[in-house]
Amino acid sequence: MIAYLLHKATGIPWVADFRDPMVQNNYPKDKHQKKVWEWIEKKAVKHCKKIIFTAPGALETL
């Protein structure tokens, strides 16, 4: 969330590093936390200049 807000405030390109997907089928269990993490993932995919994936599963999921 901090990176997204800094990008919006400054216009500096955002580069994100996803080592693993934040949200998976049964993770996180808490519905509120899952919604927040889904929001973060969607913002990253939509607004990042570049996204680095270190796991093939993260690339496929996002």
PDB file of N, CA and C in Angstrom:
ATOM      1  N   MET A   1       0.829  -1.184   0.000  1.00  0.00           N
ATOM      2  CA  MET A   1       0.000   0.000   0.000  1.00  0.00           C
ATOM      3  C   MET A   1       0.873   1.247   0.000  1.00  0.00           C
ATOM      4  N   ILE A   2       1.984   1.199   0.713  1.00  0.00           N
ATOM      5  CA  ILE A   2       2.879   2.349   0.778  1.00  0.00           C
ATOM      6  C   ILE A   2       3.455   2.646  -0.605  1.00  0.00           C
ATOM      7  N   ALA A   3       3.884   1.607  -1.303  1.00  0.00           N
ATOM      8  CA  ALA A   3       4.448   1.808  -2.638  1.00  0.00           C
ATOM      9  C   ALA A   3       3.412   2.409  -3.585  1.00  0.00           C
ATOM     10  N   TYR A   4       2.176   1.935  -3.516  1.00  0.00           N
ATOM     11  CA  TYR A   4       1.108   2.474  -4.351  1.00  0.00           C
ATOM     12  C   TYR A   4       0.873   3.958  -4.045  1.00  0.00           C
ATOM     13  N   LEU A   5       0.800   4.295  -2.772  1.00  0.00           N
ATOM     14  CA  LEU A   5       0.558   5.692  -2.392  1.00  0.00           C
ATOM     15  C   LEU A   5       1.727   6.594  -2.802  1.00  0.00           C
ATOM     16  N   LEU A   6       2.943   6.123  -2.640  1.00  0.00           N
ATOM     17  CA  LEU A   6       4.101   6.914  -3.080  1.00  0.00           C
ATOM     18  C   LEU A   6       4.087   7.113  -4.593  1.00  0.00           C
ATOM     19  N   HIS A   7       3.759   6.075  -5.322  1.00  0.00           N
ATOM     20  CA  HIS A   7       3.661   6.182  -6.783  1.00  0.00           C
ATOM     21  C   HIS A   7       2.609   7.218  -7.186  1.00  0.00           C
ATOM     22  N   LYS A   8       1.447   7.160  -6.558  1.00  0.00           N
ATOM     23  CA  LYS A   8       0.370   8.107  -6.882  1.00  0.00           C
ATOM     24  C   LYS A   8       0.753   9.537  -6.511  1.00  0.00           C
ATOM     25  N   ALA A   9       1.454   9.706  -5.399  1.00  0.00           N
ATOM     26  CA  ALA A   9       1.809  11.054  -4.932  1.00  0.00           C
ATOM     27  C   ALA A   9       2.951  11.668  -5.736  1.00  0.00           C
ATOM     28  N   THR A  10       3.884  10.830  -6.201  1.00  0.00           N
ATOM     29  CA  THR A  10       5.084  11.367  -6.864  1.00  0.00           C
ATOM     30  C   THR A  10       5.122  11.150  -8.355  1.00  0.00           C
ATOM     31  N   GLY A  11       4.404  10.156  -8.844  1.00  0.00           N
ATOM     32  CA  GLY A  11       4.465   9.822 -10.260  1.00  0.00           C
ATOM     33  C   GLY A  11       5.683   8.977 -10.624  1.00  0.00           C
ATOM     34  N   ILE A  12       6.502   8.636  -9.635  1.00  0.00           N
ATOM     35  CA  ILE A  12       7.666   7.790  -9.889  1.00  0.00           C
ATOM     36  C   ILE A  12       7.177   6.386 -10.233  1.00  0.00           C
ATOM     37  N   PRO A  13       7.737   5.770 -11.281  1.00  0.00           N
ATOM     38  CA  PRO A  13       7.293   4.418 -11.650  1.00  0.00           C
ATOM     39  C   PRO A  13       7.443   3.436 -10.494  1.00  0.00           C
ATOM     40  N   TRP A  14       6.473   2.559 -10.403  1.00  0.00           N
ATOM     41  CA  TRP A  14       6.421   1.572  -9.330  1.00  0.00           C
ATOM     42  C   TRP A  14       6.902   0.238  -9.883  1.00  0.00           C
ATOM     43  N   VAL A  15       7.882  -0.361  -9.229  1.00  0.00           N
ATOM     44  CA  VAL A  15       8.359  -1.703  -9.559  1.00  0.00           C
ATOM     45  C   VAL A  15       8.079  -2.581  -8.344  1.00  0.00           C
ATOM     46  N   ALA A  16       7.343  -3.679  -8.566  1.00  0.00           N
ATOM     47  CA  ALA A  16       6.980  -4.583  -7.468  1.00  0.00           C
ATOM     48  C   ALA A  16       7.663  -5.930  -7.659  1.00  0.00           C
ATOM     49  N   ASP A  17       7.979  -6.573  -6.558  1.00  0.00           N
ATOM     50  CA  ASP A  17       8.605  -7.891  -6.554  1.00  0.00           C
ATOM     51  C   ASP A  17       7.667  -8.860  -5.847  1.00  0.00           C
ATOM     52  N   PHE A  18       7.077  -9.773  -6.608  1.00  0.00           N
ATOM     53  CA  PHE A  18       6.184 -10.776  -6.046  1.00  0.00           C
ATOM     54  C   PHE A  18       6.929 -12.101  -5.970  1.00  0.00           C
ATOM     55  N   ARG A  19       7.287 -12.505  -4.778  1.00  0.00           N
ATOM     56  CA  ARG A  19       7.967 -13.798  -4.600  1.00  0.00           C
ATOM     57  C   ARG A  19       6.957 -14.936  -4.625  1.00  0.00           C
ATOM     58  N   ASP A  20       5.800 -14.709  -4.074  1.00  0.00           N
ATOM     59  CA  ASP A  20       4.701 -15.676  -4.064  1.00  0.00           C
ATOM     60  C   ASP A  20       3.411 -14.885  -4.166  1.00  0.00           C
ATOM     61  N   PRO A  21       2.321 -15.498  -4.654  1.00  0.00           N
ATOM     62  CA  PRO A  21       1.036 -14.799  -4.635  1.00  0.00           C
ATOM     63  C   PRO A  21       0.641 -14.471  -3.193  1.00  0.00           C
ATOM     64  N   MET A  22       0.069 -13.311  -2.989  1.00  0.00           N
ATOM     65  CA  MET A  22      -0.391 -12.947  -1.652  1.00  0.00           C
ATOM     66  C   MET A  22      -1.657 -13.712  -1.296  1.00  0.00           C
ATOM     67  N   VAL A  23      -2.532 -13.896  -2.286  1.00  0.00           N
ATOM     68  CA  VAL A  23      -3.826 -14.531  -2.064  1.00  0.00           C
ATOM     69  C   VAL A  23      -3.863 -15.851  -2.825  1.00  0.00           C
ATOM     70  N   GLN A  24      -4.306 -16.879  -2.142  1.00  0.00           N
ATOM     71  CA  GLN A  24      -4.485 -18.185  -2.765  1.00  0.00           C
ATOM     72  C   GLN A  24      -5.873 -18.693  -2.416  1.00  0.00           C
ATOM     73  N   ASN A  25      -6.255 -19.845  -2.926  1.00  0.00           N
ATOM     74  CA  ASN A  25      -7.624 -20.357  -2.730  1.00  0.00           C
ATOM     75  C   ASN A  25      -8.088 -20.292  -1.281  1.00  0.00           C
ATOM     76  N   ASN A  26      -7.318 -20.829  -0.374  1.00  0.00           N
ATOM     77  CA  ASN A  26      -7.736 -20.891   1.031  1.00  0.00           C
ATOM     78  C   ASN A  26      -6.855 -20.044   1.943  1.00  0.00           C
ATOM     79  N   TYR A  27      -6.195 -19.035   1.358  1.00  0.00           N
ATOM     80  CA  TYR A  27      -5.291 -18.209   2.163  1.00  0.00           C
ATOM     81  C   TYR A  27      -5.391 -16.767   1.712  1.00  0.00           C
ATOM     82  N   PRO A  28      -5.465 -15.830   2.620  1.00  0.00           N
ATOM     83  CA  PRO A  28      -5.608 -15.998   4.060  1.00  0.00           C
ATOM     84  C   PRO A  28      -7.031 -16.402   4.425  1.00  0.00           C
ATOM     85  N   LYS A  29      -7.168 -16.980   5.576  1.00  0.00           N
ATOM     86  CA  LYS A  29      -8.485 -17.458   6.035  1.00  0.00           C
ATOM     87  C   LYS A  29      -9.410 -16.296   6.392  1.00  0.00           C
ATOM     88  N   ASP A  30      -8.867 -15.235   6.969  1.00  0.00           N
ATOM     89  CA  ASP A  30      -9.666 -14.082   7.370  1.00  0.00           C
ATOM     90  C   ASP A  30     -10.175 -13.360   6.115  1.00  0.00           C
ATOM     91  N   LYS A  31     -11.495 -13.235   5.981  1.00  0.00           N
ATOM     92  CA  LYS A  31     -12.101 -12.652   4.778  1.00  0.00           C
ATOM     93  C   LYS A  31     -11.726 -11.191   4.584  1.00  0.00           C
ATOM     94  N   HIS A  32     -11.645 -10.426   5.671  1.00  0.00           N
ATOM     95  CA  HIS A  32     -11.278  -9.017   5.564  1.00  0.00           C
ATOM     96  C   HIS A  32      -9.835  -8.879   5.068  1.00  0.00           C
ATOM     97  N   GLN A  33      -8.952  -9.640   5.665  1.00  0.00           N
ATOM     98  CA  GLN A  33      -7.545  -9.606   5.249  1.00  0.00           C
ATOM     99  C   GLN A  33      -7.409 -10.023   3.782  1.00  0.00           C
ATOM    100  N   LYS A  34      -8.159 -11.031   3.376  1.00  0.00           N
ATOM    101  CA  LYS A  34      -8.107 -11.500   1.992  1.00  0.00           C
ATOM    102  C   LYS A  34      -8.549 -10.405   1.029  1.00  0.00           C
ATOM    103  N   LYS A  35      -9.605  -9.677   1.373  1.00  0.00           N
ATOM    104  CA  LYS A  35     -10.074  -8.573   0.522  1.00  0.00           C
ATOM    105  C   LYS A  35      -9.020  -7.482   0.389  1.00  0.00           C
ATOM    106  N   VAL A  36      -8.347  -7.144   1.477  1.00  0.00           N
ATOM    107  CA  VAL A  36      -7.302  -6.121   1.448  1.00  0.00           C
ATOM    108  C   VAL A  36      -6.142  -6.587   0.571  1.00  0.00           C
ATOM    109  N   TRP A  37      -5.720  -7.820   0.747  1.00  0.00           N
ATOM    110  CA  TRP A  37      -4.606  -8.343  -0.051  1.00  0.00           C
ATOM    111  C   TRP A  37      -4.971  -8.430  -1.530  1.00  0.00           C
ATOM    112  N   GLU A  38      -6.218  -8.803  -1.841  1.00  0.00           N
ATOM    113  CA  GLU A  38      -6.665  -8.823  -3.245  1.00  0.00           C
ATOM    114  C   GLU A  38      -6.620  -7.420  -3.834  1.00  0.00           C
ATOM    115  N   TRP A  39      -7.028  -6.422  -3.053  1.00  0.00           N
ATOM    116  CA  TRP A  39      -6.985  -5.030  -3.499  1.00  0.00           C
ATOM    117  C   TRP A  39      -5.542  -4.624  -3.813  1.00  0.00           C
ATOM    118  N   ILE A  40      -4.609  -4.997  -2.933  1.00  0.00           N
ATOM    119  CA  ILE A  40      -3.198  -4.662  -3.146  1.00  0.00           C
ATOM    120  C   ILE A  40      -2.683  -5.318  -4.428  1.00  0.00           C
ATOM    121  N   GLU A  41      -2.984  -6.598  -4.622  1.00  0.00           N
ATOM    122  CA  GLU A  41      -2.530  -7.289  -5.826  1.00  0.00           C
ATOM    123  C   GLU A  41      -3.095  -6.626  -7.080  1.00  0.00           C
ATOM    124  N   LYS A  42      -4.382  -6.262  -7.068  1.00  0.00           N
ATOM    125  CA  LYS A  42      -5.000  -5.624  -8.233  1.00  0.00           C
ATOM    126  C   LYS A  42      -4.362  -4.268  -8.522  1.00  0.00           C
ATOM    127  N   LYS A  43      -4.078  -3.489  -7.478  1.00  0.00           N
ATOM    128  CA  LYS A  43      -3.426  -2.190  -7.669  1.00  0.00           C
ATOM    129  C   LYS A  43      -2.040  -2.370  -8.264  1.00  0.00           C
ATOM    130  N   ALA A  44      -1.310  -3.375  -7.789  1.00  0.00           N
ATOM    131  CA  ALA A  44       0.034  -3.620  -8.313  1.00  0.00           C
ATOM    132  C   ALA A  44      -0.022  -3.978  -9.791  1.00  0.00           C
ATOM    133  N   VAL A  45      -0.887  -4.901 -10.152  1.00  0.00           N
ATOM    134  CA  VAL A  45      -0.980  -5.327 -11.549  1.00  0.00           C
ATOM    135  C   VAL A  45      -1.414  -4.165 -12.446  1.00  0.00           C
ATOM    136  N   LYS A  46      -2.310  -3.347 -11.968  1.00  0.00           N
ATOM    137  CA  LYS A  46      -2.833  -2.237 -12.777  1.00  0.00           C
ATOM    138  C   LYS A  46      -1.855  -1.068 -12.878  1.00  0.00           C
ATOM    139  N   HIS A  47      -1.143  -0.740 -11.806  1.00  0.00           N
ATOM    140  CA  HIS A  47      -0.378   0.498 -11.755  1.00  0.00           C
ATOM    141  C   HIS A  47       1.141   0.342 -11.830  1.00  0.00           C
ATOM    142  N   CYS A  48       1.657  -0.864 -11.679  1.00  0.00           N
ATOM    143  CA  CYS A  48       3.112  -1.038 -11.716  1.00  0.00           C
ATOM    144  C   CYS A  48       3.660  -0.850 -13.123  1.00  0.00           C
ATOM    145  N   LYS A  49       4.815  -0.233 -13.186  1.00  0.00           N
ATOM    146  CA  LYS A  49       5.531  -0.138 -14.460  1.00  0.00           C
ATOM    147  C   LYS A  49       6.113  -1.504 -14.812  1.00  0.00           C
ATOM    148  N   LYS A  50       6.664  -2.175 -13.816  1.00  0.00           N
ATOM    149  CA  LYS A  50       7.238  -3.515 -13.989  1.00  0.00           C
ATOM    150  C   LYS A  50       6.920  -4.348 -12.751  1.00  0.00           C
ATOM    151  N   ILE A  51       6.697  -5.647 -12.947  1.00  0.00           N
ATOM    152  CA  ILE A  51       6.522  -6.576 -11.843  1.00  0.00           C
ATOM    153  C   ILE A  51       7.514  -7.713 -12.030  1.00  0.00           C
ATOM    154  N   ILE A  52       8.253  -8.021 -10.988  1.00  0.00           N
ATOM    155  CA  ILE A  52       9.222  -9.105 -11.000  1.00  0.00           C
ATOM    156  C   ILE A  52       8.586 -10.299 -10.290  1.00  0.00           C
ATOM    157  N   PHE A  53       8.580 -11.445 -10.958  1.00  0.00           N
ATOM    158  CA  PHE A  53       8.060 -12.674 -10.368  1.00  0.00           C
ATOM    159  C   PHE A  53       9.212 -13.649 -10.187  1.00  0.00           C
ATOM    160  N   THR A  54       9.381 -14.176  -8.992  1.00  0.00           N
ATOM    161  CA  THR A  54      10.450 -15.143  -8.741  1.00  0.00           C
ATOM    162  C   THR A  54       9.903 -16.563  -8.710  1.00  0.00           C
ATOM    163  N   ALA A  55       8.596 -16.720  -8.698  1.00  0.00           N
ATOM    164  CA  ALA A  55       7.990 -18.050  -8.691  1.00  0.00           C
ATOM    165  C   ALA A  55       7.030 -18.161  -9.871  1.00  0.00           C
ATOM    166  N   PRO A  56       7.128 -19.211 -10.670  1.00  0.00           N
ATOM    167  CA  PRO A  56       6.221 -19.367 -11.804  1.00  0.00           C
ATOM    168  C   PRO A  56       4.754 -19.336 -11.403  1.00  0.00           C
ATOM    169  N   GLY A  57       4.429 -19.859 -10.212  1.00  0.00           N
ATOM    170  CA  GLY A  57       3.045 -19.851  -9.747  1.00  0.00           C
ATOM    171  C   GLY A  57       2.506 -18.445  -9.544  1.00  0.00           C
ATOM    172  N   ALA A  58       3.346 -17.535  -9.097  1.00  0.00           N
ATOM    173  CA  ALA A  58       2.912 -16.149  -8.904  1.00  0.00           C
ATOM    174  C   ALA A  58       2.593 -15.508 -10.247  1.00  0.00           C
ATOM    175  N   LEU A  59       3.408 -15.751 -11.244  1.00  0.00           N
ATOM    176  CA  LEU A  59       3.164 -15.203 -12.579  1.00  0.00           C
ATOM    177  C   LEU A  59       1.852 -15.739 -13.140  1.00  0.00           C
ATOM    178  N   GLU A  60       1.630 -17.038 -13.008  1.00  0.00           N
ATOM    179  CA  GLU A  60       0.405 -17.645 -13.525  1.00  0.00           C
ATOM    180  C   GLU A  60      -0.829 -17.111 -12.802  1.00  0.00           C
ATOM    181  N   THR A  61      -0.727 -16.923 -11.494  1.00  0.00           N
ATOM    182  CA  THR A  61      -1.873 -16.481 -10.707  1.00  0.00           C
ATOM    183  C   THR A  61      -2.232 -15.039 -11.013  1.00  0.00           C
ATOM    184  N   LEU A  62      -1.227 -14.187 -11.142  1.00  0.00           N
ATOM    185  CA  LEU A  62      -1.506 -12.772 -11.335  1.00  0.00           C
ATOM    186  C   LEU A  62      -1.545 -12.398 -12.796  1.00  0.00           C
TER     187      LEU A  62
END
